[in-house]
């Protein structure tokens, strides 16, 4: 009789349970409130390259972002959530169509402060689960001691890309270059924050006050793996509507499903404070702690297990 896959990965699932408990401990110790928001919503954030699965006339959310920001607008200043998220056409070594997200928001904070908090949280998880100041992943030994490395997207293109960032944006190759040429080289000895993305790549992010060509957005890379996407939040509903309209136009041009405009969210932005937010993939974080190369090894069930 064939053994169940779950029998072999039990040590990883036990570690996953301990890491998730530690995540909650970190946020409770820092005065965050754990919240729950619906996973089935009428209008996802209109983003050109993220596809939310339909659920009847509504959609399964690809992120709890819009609902959590409405809580910010309602006066909840420090909130976090660990939840299932869903994205169509995502399956691979680092991707699942259903995955676990840690998302948190802090009022009166910007992306620089969020980088520091992200660093602090992951260091806490490592220490509490006996990893200390070093993370071993494959052939890499990653030093978790402060300070972590930081590199702008412009610098990364100058250092690692065969083409310029301007060319990559103009010819639709930006994501390809980030994924294939730049990301594999990042965070090999120290975790690295890749920050200041082009304005075109931050649909919900605040633009830099001193250079509107760039958004106050960052991603964290460890051993070439993208762990999170974070930014200073845009709080202007007029600008946000225009950006959503542009994203919907891009979806239409690509022949993708159109989404309704998320009017409730846009209305709530009138009262939304300045804030930073972060969406971190729990499954990918677990891959690093478990020292495995397949996302399948750190989840109880994959789609293939169910059929």
Foldseek 3Di string as FASTA:
>chain_A
DDDDLLVVLVVLQVLLVLLVVLLVVVLVVVVAAEDDDDQWAQFEQLAQPWAFDDDVNTTGYQDCPLVVLLVLLVPRAKYKYWDWHATPPFDDQPTARIFIKIKIKHFPDWLVVVVVVVLVSLQSSCVVSVNHQWFDAPPFIAGSDDDAAEEEPQRQCVVWNPDHCVVCVVVVNNVVCCLPTRLQVAARHYKYKYFFAALLPCLFFDADPVDNRTGGWIWIHHNSDTWKIKGWGDLQLVSSVVSSVVSQVSNVVVVHDGGDDPVVSSVSSVRRGGMMMMMGGSLVVSCRRVNHRGSVSNDSDGPVNVD
